[in-house]
Amino acid sequence: MGDLTHFNPEGRARMVDVGDKPINTRIAVATGGIAVNRETFDAIKLGTLKKGDVLATAQIAGIMAAKKTWELIPMCHPLLLSNVDLGFVMDDTTLTIEINSTVKCSGTTGVEMEALTAVSVAALTIYDMCKAIQKDMVIGPCRLISKTGGKSGDYRVGEKNV
């Protein structure tokens, strides 16, 4: 594991200078989820919530969040994202909604934080839209599945990543 790069010689936080790094394609995939009860699950699935289409709203929120990650996470760079996509898998057995995001750009720094932020805000949006009928929903876990591009190389969960 390399040195932490978000500190200057005085030990104070800084934004890493990525200006001299080569531009290449960066892709990150993240996943997370939210566990709900049967009433909430069915309301989402059938589209009967008064606030509207929960998953469509969560998808838009996730996309917006990825685009604004640099405004939320202090040391993130503003990035020109070329693609943000979210997908949802509703599991009727476990009463969970899995949220998957893929974020892509051509740039000098990775998009892992954007992918993770997209999943997190999508889950929070589902919670917000459903809290009138359930307050004990559980969000998580949220994690990076893979990333490509950059000096540190590729990463895929479960593989030996050096």
N, C-alpha and C. Protein backbone atom coordinates (compact mmCIF):
# COMPACT_ATOMS: atom_id res chain seq x y z
N MET A 1 0.84 -1.17 0.00
CA MET A 1 0.00 0.00 0.00
C MET A 1 0.89 1.23 0.00
N GLY A 2 0.59 2.16 -0.90
CA GLY A 2 1.41 3.34 -1.03
C GLY A 2 1.16 4.37 0.05
N ASP A 3 1.97 5.44 0.01
CA ASP A 3 1.79 6.53 0.95
C ASP A 3 0.48 7.25 0.67
N LEU A 4 -0.10 7.81 1.71
CA LEU A 4 -1.29 8.63 1.53
C LEU A 4 -0.88 9.92 0.85
N THR A 5 -1.63 10.30 -0.18
CA THR A 5 -1.22 11.44 -1.00
C THR A 5 -2.01 12.71 -0.73
N HIS A 6 -2.94 12.67 0.19
CA HIS A 6 -3.78 13.83 0.44
C HIS A 6 -3.25 14.72 1.58
N PHE A 7 -1.95 14.60 1.87
CA PHE A 7 -1.35 15.43 2.90
C PHE A 7 -0.12 16.12 2.34
N ASN A 8 0.04 17.39 2.66
CA ASN A 8 1.22 18.12 2.23
C ASN A 8 2.36 17.85 3.22
N PRO A 9 3.57 18.37 2.97
CA PRO A 9 4.69 18.10 3.89
C PRO A 9 4.45 18.53 5.33
N GLU A 10 3.55 19.49 5.54
CA GLU A 10 3.23 19.93 6.90
C GLU A 10 2.16 19.06 7.55
N GLY A 11 1.68 18.05 6.85
CA GLY A 11 0.66 17.17 7.39
C GLY A 11 -0.76 17.69 7.25
N ARG A 12 -0.93 18.71 6.45
CA ARG A 12 -2.26 19.29 6.24
C ARG A 12 -2.89 18.71 4.96
N ALA A 13 -4.21 18.67 4.96
CA ALA A 13 -4.93 18.13 3.81
C ALA A 13 -4.65 18.95 2.55
N ARG A 14 -4.59 18.25 1.44
CA ARG A 14 -4.40 18.92 0.15
C ARG A 14 -5.07 18.09 -0.93
N MET A 15 -5.37 18.75 -2.02
CA MET A 15 -5.88 18.06 -3.19
C MET A 15 -4.67 17.62 -4.01
N VAL A 16 -4.64 16.36 -4.40
CA VAL A 16 -3.51 15.81 -5.15
C VAL A 16 -3.44 16.47 -6.53
N ASP A 17 -2.23 16.80 -6.96
CA ASP A 17 -2.02 17.37 -8.28
C ASP A 17 -1.98 16.24 -9.30
N VAL A 18 -2.99 16.17 -10.16
CA VAL A 18 -3.05 15.14 -11.19
C VAL A 18 -2.77 15.73 -12.58
N GLY A 19 -2.30 16.97 -12.60
CA GLY A 19 -2.09 17.68 -13.86
C GLY A 19 -1.09 17.04 -14.80
N ASP A 20 -0.09 16.35 -14.27
CA ASP A 20 0.94 15.75 -15.13
C ASP A 20 0.66 14.29 -15.45
N LYS A 21 -0.42 13.74 -14.95
CA LYS A 21 -0.74 12.34 -15.22
C LYS A 21 -1.33 12.20 -16.61
N PRO A 22 -1.09 11.06 -17.25
CA PRO A 22 -1.65 10.87 -18.59
C PRO A 22 -3.17 10.65 -18.54
N ILE A 23 -3.83 11.10 -19.59
CA ILE A 23 -5.27 10.88 -19.71
C ILE A 23 -5.50 9.47 -20.22
N ASN A 24 -6.34 8.73 -19.53
CA ASN A 24 -6.76 7.43 -20.03
C ASN A 24 -8.17 7.13 -19.58
N THR A 25 -8.73 6.07 -20.10
CA THR A 25 -10.10 5.70 -19.77
C THR A 25 -10.15 5.14 -18.36
N ARG A 26 -11.06 5.65 -17.56
CA ARG A 26 -11.26 5.21 -16.18
C ARG A 26 -12.69 4.70 -16.06
N ILE A 27 -12.84 3.50 -15.52
CA ILE A 27 -14.16 2.93 -15.29
C ILE A 27 -14.18 2.36 -13.88
N ALA A 28 -15.27 2.62 -13.15
CA ALA A 28 -15.45 2.05 -11.82
C ALA A 28 -16.87 1.50 -11.70
N VAL A 29 -16.96 0.37 -11.02
CA VAL A 29 -18.25 -0.27 -10.77
C VAL A 29 -18.39 -0.44 -9.26
N ALA A 30 -19.54 -0.04 -8.73
CA ALA A 30 -19.81 -0.17 -7.30
C ALA A 30 -21.18 -0.80 -7.10
N THR A 31 -21.36 -1.35 -5.92
CA THR A 31 -22.65 -1.95 -5.59
C THR A 31 -23.01 -1.66 -4.14
N GLY A 32 -24.27 -1.72 -3.85
CA GLY A 32 -24.78 -1.54 -2.51
C GLY A 32 -26.23 -1.98 -2.51
N GLY A 33 -26.91 -1.72 -1.43
CA GLY A 33 -28.30 -2.13 -1.41
C GLY A 33 -29.05 -1.57 -0.24
N ILE A 34 -30.33 -1.91 -0.22
CA ILE A 34 -31.20 -1.50 0.88
C ILE A 34 -32.17 -2.65 1.15
N ALA A 35 -32.28 -3.00 2.41
CA ALA A 35 -33.21 -4.04 2.84
C ALA A 35 -34.48 -3.38 3.37
N VAL A 36 -35.61 -3.89 2.92
CA VAL A 36 -36.90 -3.31 3.29
C VAL A 36 -37.84 -4.43 3.76
N ASN A 37 -39.00 -4.05 4.25
CA ASN A 37 -39.98 -5.08 4.63
C ASN A 37 -40.88 -5.38 3.43
N ARG A 38 -41.76 -6.35 3.60
CA ARG A 38 -42.63 -6.79 2.50
C ARG A 38 -43.52 -5.65 1.98
N GLU A 39 -44.10 -4.87 2.89
CA GLU A 39 -44.99 -3.78 2.47
C GLU A 39 -44.24 -2.78 1.60
N THR A 40 -43.06 -2.40 2.02
CA THR A 40 -42.26 -1.43 1.26
C THR A 40 -41.83 -2.03 -0.07
N PHE A 41 -41.36 -3.26 -0.04
CA PHE A 41 -40.91 -3.94 -1.26
C PHE A 41 -42.03 -3.97 -2.30
N ASP A 42 -43.21 -4.38 -1.87
CA ASP A 42 -44.34 -4.47 -2.79
C ASP A 42 -44.77 -3.10 -3.30
N ALA A 43 -44.73 -2.09 -2.45
CA ALA A 43 -45.09 -0.74 -2.87
C ALA A 43 -44.13 -0.22 -3.94
N ILE A 44 -42.84 -0.50 -3.76
CA ILE A 44 -41.85 -0.09 -4.75
C ILE A 44 -42.08 -0.84 -6.06
N LYS A 45 -42.25 -2.15 -5.94
CA LYS A 45 -42.41 -3.00 -7.12
C LYS A 45 -43.68 -2.64 -7.90
N LEU A 46 -44.77 -2.36 -7.19
CA LEU A 46 -46.04 -2.06 -7.84
C LEU A 46 -46.20 -0.59 -8.20
N GLY A 47 -45.29 0.25 -7.69
CA GLY A 47 -45.34 1.68 -7.99
C GLY A 47 -46.50 2.39 -7.33
N THR A 48 -46.83 1.99 -6.10
CA THR A 48 -47.99 2.57 -5.42
C THR A 48 -47.66 3.64 -4.39
N LEU A 49 -46.40 4.01 -4.28
CA LEU A 49 -46.04 5.05 -3.32
C LEU A 49 -46.51 6.42 -3.81
N LYS A 50 -46.99 7.24 -2.88
CA LYS A 50 -47.52 8.56 -3.24
C LYS A 50 -46.46 9.46 -3.84
N LYS A 51 -45.19 9.25 -3.47
CA LYS A 51 -44.12 10.13 -3.96
C LYS A 51 -43.73 9.81 -5.41
N GLY A 52 -44.20 8.70 -5.95
CA GLY A 52 -43.91 8.40 -7.35
C GLY A 52 -43.05 7.17 -7.53
N ASP A 53 -42.45 7.07 -8.69
CA ASP A 53 -41.62 5.92 -9.08
C ASP A 53 -40.29 5.98 -8.32
N VAL A 54 -40.16 5.11 -7.34
CA VAL A 54 -39.01 5.14 -6.44
C VAL A 54 -37.71 4.86 -7.20
N LEU A 55 -37.68 3.82 -7.99
CA LEU A 55 -36.41 3.45 -8.65
C LEU A 55 -36.02 4.44 -9.74
N ALA A 56 -36.98 5.00 -10.44
CA ALA A 56 -36.65 6.03 -11.44
C ALA A 56 -36.05 7.26 -10.76
N THR A 57 -36.64 7.63 -9.64
CA THR A 57 -36.13 8.79 -8.89
C THR A 57 -34.75 8.49 -8.33
N ALA A 58 -34.56 7.29 -7.78
CA ALA A 58 -33.25 6.90 -7.24
C ALA A 58 -32.20 6.87 -8.33
N GLN A 59 -32.57 6.45 -9.51
CA GLN A 59 -31.62 6.41 -10.63
C GLN A 59 -31.16 7.82 -10.99
N ILE A 60 -32.09 8.73 -11.10
CA ILE A 60 -31.73 10.12 -11.41
C ILE A 60 -30.87 10.70 -10.29
N ALA A 61 -31.25 10.44 -9.03
CA ALA A 61 -30.47 10.94 -7.90
C ALA A 61 -29.05 10.40 -7.92
N GLY A 62 -28.89 9.12 -8.24
CA GLY A 62 -27.56 8.52 -8.30
C GLY A 62 -26.70 9.14 -9.39
N ILE A 63 -27.30 9.38 -10.53
CA ILE A 63 -26.57 10.02 -11.64
C ILE A 63 -26.15 11.44 -11.24
N MET A 64 -27.08 12.18 -10.68
CA MET A 64 -26.76 13.55 -10.23
C MET A 64 -25.65 13.54 -9.18
N ALA A 65 -25.72 12.57 -8.26
CA ALA A 65 -24.72 12.49 -7.20
C ALA A 65 -23.33 12.20 -7.76
N ALA A 66 -23.24 11.30 -8.72
CA ALA A 66 -21.94 11.01 -9.33
C ALA A 66 -21.35 12.27 -9.94
N LYS A 67 -22.18 13.06 -10.60
CA LYS A 67 -21.71 14.28 -11.24
C LYS A 67 -21.28 15.34 -10.24
N LYS A 68 -21.79 15.26 -9.01
CA LYS A 68 -21.49 16.26 -7.98
C LYS A 68 -20.58 15.74 -6.87
N THR A 69 -19.98 14.58 -7.08
CA THR A 69 -19.14 13.99 -6.04
C THR A 69 -18.06 14.96 -5.57
N TRP A 70 -17.46 15.68 -6.49
CA TRP A 70 -16.39 16.62 -6.14
C TRP A 70 -16.88 17.73 -5.21
N GLU A 71 -18.20 17.98 -5.18
CA GLU A 71 -18.74 18.97 -4.26
C GLU A 71 -19.02 18.39 -2.87
N LEU A 72 -19.06 17.07 -2.77
CA LEU A 72 -19.39 16.40 -1.52
C LEU A 72 -18.18 15.85 -0.78
N ILE A 73 -17.22 15.33 -1.51
CA ILE A 73 -16.02 14.71 -0.93
C ILE A 73 -14.88 15.71 -1.09
N PRO A 74 -14.33 16.21 0.00
CA PRO A 74 -13.43 17.35 -0.05
C PRO A 74 -12.24 17.25 -1.00
N MET A 75 -11.60 16.11 -1.14
CA MET A 75 -10.39 16.04 -1.96
C MET A 75 -10.63 15.46 -3.36
N CYS A 76 -11.87 15.29 -3.75
CA CYS A 76 -12.18 14.79 -5.09
C CYS A 76 -12.06 15.91 -6.12
N HIS A 77 -11.62 15.52 -7.30
CA HIS A 77 -11.50 16.47 -8.40
C HIS A 77 -12.81 16.55 -9.17
N PRO A 78 -13.12 17.72 -9.72
CA PRO A 78 -14.27 17.78 -10.63
C PRO A 78 -13.91 17.04 -11.91
N LEU A 79 -14.78 16.15 -12.34
CA LEU A 79 -14.48 15.31 -13.50
C LEU A 79 -15.55 15.48 -14.57
N LEU A 80 -15.12 15.35 -15.81
CA LEU A 80 -16.04 15.35 -16.94
C LEU A 80 -16.41 13.90 -17.21
N LEU A 81 -17.50 13.44 -16.60
CA LEU A 81 -17.90 12.05 -16.74
C LEU A 81 -18.51 11.82 -18.11
N SER A 82 -18.15 10.70 -18.73
CA SER A 82 -18.71 10.38 -20.03
C SER A 82 -19.88 9.42 -19.93
N ASN A 83 -20.02 8.74 -18.79
CA ASN A 83 -21.14 7.82 -18.61
C ASN A 83 -21.37 7.55 -17.13
N VAL A 84 -22.63 7.56 -16.75
CA VAL A 84 -23.05 7.12 -15.42
C VAL A 84 -24.29 6.28 -15.64
N ASP A 85 -24.27 5.04 -15.16
CA ASP A 85 -25.42 4.17 -15.32
C ASP A 85 -25.70 3.47 -14.00
N LEU A 86 -26.95 3.39 -13.63
CA LEU A 86 -27.37 2.68 -12.42
C LEU A 86 -28.38 1.62 -12.81
N GLY A 87 -28.29 0.49 -12.11
CA GLY A 87 -29.26 -0.58 -12.30
C GLY A 87 -29.72 -1.08 -10.94
N PHE A 88 -30.90 -1.66 -10.92
CA PHE A 88 -31.49 -2.14 -9.68
C PHE A 88 -31.94 -3.58 -9.87
N VAL A 89 -31.69 -4.41 -8.85
CA VAL A 89 -32.15 -5.79 -8.84
C VAL A 89 -32.99 -5.97 -7.58
N MET A 90 -34.27 -6.26 -7.78
CA MET A 90 -35.17 -6.47 -6.65
C MET A 90 -35.23 -7.96 -6.35
N ASP A 91 -34.84 -8.34 -5.15
CA ASP A 91 -34.83 -9.74 -4.73
C ASP A 91 -36.03 -9.99 -3.82
N ASP A 92 -37.02 -10.70 -4.36
CA ASP A 92 -38.26 -10.96 -3.67
C ASP A 92 -38.09 -11.89 -2.47
N THR A 93 -37.01 -12.67 -2.46
CA THR A 93 -36.77 -13.60 -1.35
C THR A 93 -36.17 -12.89 -0.14
N THR A 94 -35.16 -12.05 -0.39
CA THR A 94 -34.48 -11.37 0.71
C THR A 94 -35.05 -9.98 1.00
N LEU A 95 -35.97 -9.53 0.16
CA LEU A 95 -36.57 -8.20 0.28
C LEU A 95 -35.51 -7.11 0.26
N THR A 96 -34.59 -7.26 -0.66
CA THR A 96 -33.53 -6.26 -0.83
C THR A 96 -33.57 -5.71 -2.25
N ILE A 97 -33.07 -4.51 -2.35
CA ILE A 97 -32.88 -3.89 -3.66
C ILE A 97 -31.39 -3.66 -3.81
N GLU A 98 -30.79 -4.37 -4.73
CA GLU A 98 -29.37 -4.20 -5.02
C GLU A 98 -29.24 -3.05 -6.00
N ILE A 99 -28.28 -2.18 -5.74
CA ILE A 99 -28.03 -1.01 -6.57
C ILE A 99 -26.63 -1.15 -7.16
N ASN A 100 -26.52 -1.05 -8.47
CA ASN A 100 -25.23 -1.17 -9.15
C ASN A 100 -24.99 0.09 -9.97
N SER A 101 -23.77 0.60 -9.90
CA SER A 101 -23.43 1.78 -10.70
C SER A 101 -22.16 1.52 -11.49
N THR A 102 -22.12 2.09 -12.67
CA THR A 102 -20.92 2.10 -13.50
C THR A 102 -20.67 3.54 -13.92
N VAL A 103 -19.45 4.00 -13.69
CA VAL A 103 -19.09 5.38 -14.02
C VAL A 103 -17.84 5.34 -14.90
N LYS A 104 -17.82 6.20 -15.89
CA LYS A 104 -16.70 6.21 -16.85
C LYS A 104 -16.30 7.64 -17.19
N CYS A 105 -14.99 7.84 -17.39
CA CYS A 105 -14.49 9.10 -17.91
C CYS A 105 -13.14 8.86 -18.58
N SER A 106 -12.72 9.81 -19.35
CA SER A 106 -11.35 9.85 -19.86
C SER A 106 -10.69 10.98 -19.10
N GLY A 107 -9.72 10.63 -18.27
CA GLY A 107 -9.14 11.67 -17.44
C GLY A 107 -7.87 11.24 -16.76
N THR A 108 -7.47 12.05 -15.77
CA THR A 108 -6.20 11.83 -15.08
C THR A 108 -6.38 11.28 -13.67
N THR A 109 -7.61 11.02 -13.28
CA THR A 109 -7.87 10.44 -11.97
C THR A 109 -9.09 9.54 -12.05
N GLY A 110 -9.18 8.61 -11.13
CA GLY A 110 -10.21 7.59 -11.17
C GLY A 110 -11.60 8.06 -10.79
N VAL A 111 -12.56 7.17 -11.01
CA VAL A 111 -13.97 7.49 -10.77
C VAL A 111 -14.59 6.57 -9.71
N GLU A 112 -13.75 6.00 -8.84
CA GLU A 112 -14.28 5.12 -7.79
C GLU A 112 -15.24 5.86 -6.86
N MET A 113 -14.87 7.04 -6.45
CA MET A 113 -15.71 7.79 -5.52
C MET A 113 -17.05 8.17 -6.15
N GLU A 114 -17.03 8.45 -7.44
CA GLU A 114 -18.27 8.78 -8.14
C GLU A 114 -19.20 7.58 -8.19
N ALA A 115 -18.65 6.38 -8.44
CA ALA A 115 -19.47 5.17 -8.48
C ALA A 115 -20.05 4.86 -7.09
N LEU A 116 -19.23 4.99 -6.07
CA LEU A 116 -19.70 4.74 -4.70
C LEU A 116 -20.73 5.77 -4.25
N THR A 117 -20.53 7.01 -4.63
CA THR A 117 -21.47 8.08 -4.27
C THR A 117 -22.80 7.85 -4.98
N ALA A 118 -22.77 7.43 -6.23
CA ALA A 118 -24.01 7.16 -6.96
C ALA A 118 -24.84 6.10 -6.26
N VAL A 119 -24.21 5.00 -5.84
CA VAL A 119 -24.91 3.93 -5.13
C VAL A 119 -25.47 4.44 -3.80
N SER A 120 -24.65 5.15 -3.06
CA SER A 120 -25.06 5.63 -1.73
C SER A 120 -26.25 6.58 -1.81
N VAL A 121 -26.21 7.51 -2.72
CA VAL A 121 -27.31 8.49 -2.83
C VAL A 121 -28.56 7.83 -3.40
N ALA A 122 -28.41 6.87 -4.29
CA ALA A 122 -29.59 6.14 -4.77
C ALA A 122 -30.26 5.42 -3.61
N ALA A 123 -29.47 4.79 -2.74
CA ALA A 123 -30.04 4.10 -1.57
C ALA A 123 -30.71 5.09 -0.63
N LEU A 124 -30.09 6.22 -0.40
CA LEU A 124 -30.68 7.24 0.46
C LEU A 124 -32.00 7.78 -0.13
N THR A 125 -32.05 7.86 -1.43
CA THR A 125 -33.27 8.34 -2.09
C THR A 125 -34.40 7.33 -1.92
N ILE A 126 -34.08 6.04 -2.04
CA ILE A 126 -35.09 5.01 -1.80
C ILE A 126 -35.59 5.14 -0.36
N TYR A 127 -34.67 5.30 0.58
CA TYR A 127 -35.07 5.47 1.98
C TYR A 127 -36.00 6.68 2.12
N ASP A 128 -35.60 7.79 1.56
CA ASP A 128 -36.38 9.02 1.68
C ASP A 128 -37.79 8.85 1.13
N MET A 129 -37.91 8.20 0.01
CA MET A 129 -39.21 8.05 -0.62
C MET A 129 -40.11 7.05 0.10
N CYS A 130 -39.51 6.15 0.88
CA CYS A 130 -40.28 5.09 1.54
C CYS A 130 -40.41 5.26 3.05
N LYS A 131 -39.80 6.27 3.62
CA LYS A 131 -39.77 6.40 5.08
C LYS A 131 -41.14 6.61 5.70
N ALA A 132 -42.12 7.03 4.93
CA ALA A 132 -43.46 7.21 5.46
C ALA A 132 -44.10 5.86 5.83
N ILE A 133 -43.69 4.79 5.16
CA ILE A 133 -44.26 3.48 5.48
C ILE A 133 -43.30 2.57 6.23
N GLN A 134 -42.01 2.92 6.23
CA GLN A 134 -41.04 2.11 6.98
C GLN A 134 -39.86 2.97 7.40
N LYS A 135 -39.51 2.89 8.65
CA LYS A 135 -38.38 3.69 9.16
C LYS A 135 -37.15 2.83 9.42
N ASP A 136 -37.28 1.51 9.50
CA ASP A 136 -36.15 0.65 9.87
C ASP A 136 -35.48 -0.03 8.68
N MET A 137 -35.53 0.60 7.51
CA MET A 137 -34.80 0.08 6.35
C MET A 137 -33.31 0.09 6.67
N VAL A 138 -32.57 -0.82 6.07
CA VAL A 138 -31.13 -0.92 6.31
C VAL A 138 -30.39 -0.74 4.99
N ILE A 139 -29.49 0.24 4.98
CA ILE A 139 -28.68 0.53 3.80
C ILE A 139 -27.31 -0.13 3.96
N GLY A 140 -26.83 -0.78 2.89
CA GLY A 140 -25.47 -1.30 2.89
C GLY A 140 -25.43 -2.79 2.65
N PRO A 141 -24.29 -3.38 2.60
CA PRO A 141 -23.00 -2.70 2.48
C PRO A 141 -22.82 -2.10 1.08
N CYS A 142 -21.97 -1.12 1.00
CA CYS A 142 -21.64 -0.47 -0.26
C CYS A 142 -20.15 -0.69 -0.50
N ARG A 143 -19.81 -1.14 -1.71
CA ARG A 143 -18.38 -1.38 -1.97
C ARG A 143 -18.04 -1.25 -3.45
N LEU A 144 -16.76 -1.06 -3.68
CA LEU A 144 -16.23 -1.02 -5.03
C LEU A 144 -16.10 -2.45 -5.53
N ILE A 145 -16.58 -2.70 -6.73
CA ILE A 145 -16.48 -4.02 -7.35
C ILE A 145 -15.27 -4.09 -8.27
N SER A 146 -15.05 -3.03 -9.04
CA SER A 146 -13.91 -3.02 -9.95
C SER A 146 -13.58 -1.60 -10.36
N LYS A 147 -12.34 -1.45 -10.82
CA LYS A 147 -11.91 -0.18 -11.41
C LYS A 147 -10.81 -0.48 -12.41
N THR A 148 -10.80 0.28 -13.48
CA THR A 148 -9.76 0.12 -14.49
C THR A 148 -9.15 1.48 -14.78
N GLY A 149 -7.90 1.44 -15.23
CA GLY A 149 -7.20 2.66 -15.60
C GLY A 149 -6.43 3.25 -14.44
N GLY A 150 -5.37 3.92 -14.78
CA GLY A 150 -4.60 4.63 -13.77
C GLY A 150 -3.33 3.95 -13.34
N LYS A 151 -2.53 4.71 -12.60
CA LYS A 151 -1.21 4.29 -12.14
C LYS A 151 -1.27 3.06 -11.24
N SER A 152 -2.30 2.96 -10.41
CA SER A 152 -2.38 1.83 -9.47
C SER A 152 -2.88 0.55 -10.14
N GLY A 153 -3.25 0.62 -11.41
CA GLY A 153 -3.66 -0.57 -12.13
C GLY A 153 -5.13 -0.90 -11.93
N ASP A 154 -5.49 -2.07 -12.42
CA ASP A 154 -6.87 -2.51 -12.35
C ASP A 154 -7.14 -3.19 -11.01
N TYR A 155 -8.41 -3.17 -10.63
CA TYR A 155 -8.84 -3.82 -9.38
C TYR A 155 -10.15 -4.54 -9.66
N ARG A 156 -10.28 -5.72 -9.15
CA ARG A 156 -11.54 -6.46 -9.18
C ARG A 156 -11.67 -7.16 -7.84
N VAL A 157 -12.80 -6.96 -7.16
CA VAL A 157 -13.03 -7.56 -5.86
C VAL A 157 -12.84 -9.08 -5.97
N GLY A 158 -12.18 -9.65 -4.98
CA GLY A 158 -11.98 -11.08 -4.94
C GLY A 158 -10.73 -11.57 -5.63
N GLU A 159 -10.10 -10.70 -6.41
CA GLU A 159 -8.86 -11.09 -7.08
C GLU A 159 -7.69 -10.52 -6.30
N LYS A 160 -6.54 -11.16 -6.45
CA LYS A 160 -5.34 -10.63 -5.82
C LYS A 160 -4.95 -9.37 -6.58
N ASN A 161 -5.07 -8.26 -5.91
CA ASN A 161 -4.80 -6.95 -6.52
C ASN A 161 -3.55 -6.37 -5.86
N VAL A 162 -2.55 -6.19 -6.67
CA VAL A 162 -1.28 -5.69 -6.14
C VAL A 162 -1.08 -4.26 -6.53
